[in-house]
Amino acid sequence: MIYPAYIHKDKRSAWGATLPDFPGCFAAADALDDLPAAVQEAVEVYFEGEAMDVPAPTAPDALPRGKAYTGGQWLLVDIDVARVNPRAVRLNVSLPENLVQRIDAYARTHGPRAAGSWPKPRGARWQTTNVRLDRLADRNLR
């Protein structure tokens, strides 16, 4: 999404960016070309561990004015909001039983460092918790 950033540079300072759609979020970079990447990183950090909705960008005719916005200029920055993870999502997944058995066996064999945690007994079966899905491609599961 394209968001407005108010940019400014004083003598002997880095480029600074203020993001009115993200109150309190600021970015800085030594080179103007590096500022968009710094803005992306600042927005990602802004949402880290917070449960907030990602706001819609401010329309150009509604940009803030006033003393805080003099001496600089507006820059439109493309922020990849897909990289912002403001909320945890609970996900239930159905997998083939033989795949779950292979995951359980892998978790028991490789322990908590490989699987994220030890499998916990549940009734007559094992229930694997926190198994990283990227481990499914591991040759040990084939």
Protein backbone atom coordinates (compact mmCIF):
# COMPACT_ATOMS: atom_id res chain seq x y z
CA MET A 1 0.00 0.00 0.00
CA ILE A 2 1.16 3.51 -0.72
CA TYR A 3 1.49 5.61 2.46
CA PRO A 4 2.53 9.24 2.85
CA ALA A 5 5.75 9.95 4.73
CA TYR A 6 6.87 13.43 5.65
CA ILE A 7 10.61 13.59 5.00
CA HIS A 8 13.14 16.15 6.12
CA LYS A 9 16.88 16.59 6.37
CA ASP A 10 18.79 19.08 8.41
CA LYS A 11 22.44 19.90 7.81
CA ARG A 12 24.69 17.24 9.32
CA SER A 13 21.82 14.81 9.89
CA ALA A 14 20.31 11.76 8.27
CA TRP A 15 17.10 11.84 6.28
CA GLY A 16 14.14 11.51 8.62
CA ALA A 17 10.62 10.29 7.90
CA THR A 18 7.49 10.82 9.96
CA LEU A 19 4.54 8.54 9.23
CA PRO A 20 1.25 10.17 10.23
CA ASP A 21 -0.74 6.97 9.65
CA PHE A 22 1.43 5.23 12.27
CA PRO A 23 1.58 7.63 15.27
CA GLY A 24 5.00 7.69 16.90
CA CYS A 25 6.62 5.75 14.04
CA PHE A 26 9.76 7.35 12.62
CA ALA A 27 12.49 6.23 10.25
CA ALA A 28 15.92 7.55 9.29
CA ALA A 29 18.54 6.80 6.66
CA ASP A 30 21.82 8.39 5.62
CA ALA A 31 20.87 8.29 1.92
CA LEU A 32 17.50 9.25 0.48
CA ASP A 33 17.49 6.06 -1.61
CA ASP A 34 17.67 4.01 1.61
CA LEU A 35 14.71 5.76 3.25
CA PRO A 36 11.90 3.55 1.82
CA ALA A 37 13.57 0.41 3.22
CA ALA A 38 14.03 2.15 6.59
CA VAL A 39 10.33 3.10 6.56
CA GLN A 40 9.35 -0.52 5.85
CA GLU A 41 11.49 -1.73 8.75
CA ALA A 42 10.12 0.95 11.09
CA VAL A 43 6.53 -0.03 10.29
CA GLU A 44 7.27 -3.72 10.88
CA VAL A 45 8.82 -2.90 14.28
CA TYR A 46 5.90 -0.57 15.06
CA PHE A 47 3.46 -3.51 14.87
CA GLU A 48 5.73 -6.11 16.50
CA GLY A 49 3.90 -7.63 19.45
CA GLU A 50 0.94 -5.28 19.08
CA ALA A 51 -2.66 -6.27 18.34
CA MET A 52 -3.67 -3.34 16.12
CA ASP A 53 -5.33 -3.10 12.75
CA VAL A 54 -3.25 -1.77 9.88
CA PRO A 55 -4.73 1.64 9.02
CA ALA A 56 -5.72 2.74 5.56
CA PRO A 57 -3.40 5.34 4.03
CA THR A 58 -4.29 9.00 4.46
CA ALA A 59 -5.61 10.60 1.28
CA PRO A 60 -3.35 13.31 -0.18
CA ASP A 61 -5.94 16.03 0.40
CA ALA A 62 -6.16 15.06 4.08
CA LEU A 63 -2.43 15.15 4.90
CA PRO A 64 -1.58 16.89 8.16
CA ARG A 65 -0.48 20.49 8.06
CA GLY A 66 1.06 22.75 10.62
CA LYS A 67 4.36 23.73 12.13
CA ALA A 68 5.54 20.12 12.50
CA TYR A 69 5.21 19.70 8.72
CA THR A 70 7.26 22.66 7.46
CA GLY A 71 10.73 22.59 5.94
CA GLY A 72 10.36 19.16 4.39
CA GLN A 73 8.31 17.41 1.76
CA TRP A 74 5.86 14.56 1.36
CA LEU A 75 7.03 11.28 -0.13
CA LEU A 76 4.73 8.38 -1.03
CA VAL A 77 6.23 5.11 0.18
CA ASP A 78 5.12 1.62 -0.84
CA ILE A 79 4.81 -0.32 2.44
CA ASP A 80 4.37 -4.08 2.17
CA VAL A 81 1.68 -4.57 4.80
CA ALA A 82 1.80 -8.33 4.18
CA ARG A 83 5.08 -8.27 6.14
CA VAL A 84 3.30 -6.67 9.08
CA ASN A 85 1.90 -9.23 11.49
CA PRO A 86 -0.31 -7.34 13.91
CA ARG A 87 -2.37 -10.27 15.16
CA ALA A 88 -1.89 -13.89 15.97
CA VAL A 89 -4.22 -16.21 14.11
CA ARG A 90 -5.42 -19.52 15.48
CA LEU A 91 -5.29 -22.14 12.76
CA ASN A 92 -6.72 -25.65 12.79
CA VAL A 93 -5.33 -27.94 10.12
CA SER A 94 -6.39 -31.39 8.99
CA LEU A 95 -3.54 -33.63 7.86
CA PRO A 96 -3.41 -37.24 6.70
CA GLU A 97 -3.00 -39.58 9.68
CA ASN A 98 0.22 -41.12 8.34
CA LEU A 99 1.77 -37.64 8.04
CA VAL A 100 0.82 -36.83 11.65
CA GLN A 101 2.42 -40.13 12.74
CA ARG A 102 5.62 -39.21 10.86
CA ILE A 103 5.65 -35.76 12.48
CA ASP A 104 5.15 -37.33 15.92
CA ALA A 105 7.99 -39.80 15.28
CA TYR A 106 10.27 -36.99 14.14
CA ALA A 107 9.44 -34.90 17.20
CA ARG A 108 10.14 -37.81 19.57
CA THR A 109 13.43 -38.62 17.81
CA HIS A 110 14.80 -35.11 17.44
CA GLY A 111 13.56 -33.53 20.65
CA PRO A 112 12.55 -29.99 21.51
CA ARG A 113 15.18 -28.14 19.48
CA ALA A 114 14.01 -29.71 16.23
CA ALA A 115 10.30 -29.74 16.93
CA GLY A 116 9.75 -26.69 19.10
CA SER A 117 8.57 -28.74 22.08
CA TRP A 118 8.24 -32.33 23.23
CA PRO A 119 5.15 -34.20 22.11
CA LYS A 120 2.57 -34.48 24.86
CA PRO A 121 0.65 -37.69 25.50
CA ARG A 122 -3.08 -37.41 24.91
CA GLY A 123 -5.08 -40.54 25.48
CA ALA A 124 -3.71 -43.44 23.46
CA ARG A 125 -1.98 -41.16 20.90
CA TRP A 126 0.72 -38.58 20.94
CA GLN A 127 -0.17 -35.00 20.16
CA THR A 128 2.67 -32.99 18.70
CA THR A 129 2.76 -29.32 19.59
CA ASN A 130 4.65 -26.52 17.88
CA VAL A 131 6.22 -28.66 15.17
CA ARG A 132 7.69 -26.35 12.56
CA LEU A 133 6.14 -27.05 9.17
CA ASP A 134 9.40 -26.31 7.39
CA ARG A 135 10.74 -29.47 9.00
CA LEU A 136 8.21 -31.52 7.03
CA ALA A 137 10.46 -31.30 4.00
CA ASP A 138 13.40 -32.64 5.99
CA ARG A 139 14.73 -35.88 4.53
CA ASN A 140 14.27 -37.54 7.94
CA LEU A 141 10.50 -37.36 7.48
CA ARG A 142 10.46 -38.97 4.04
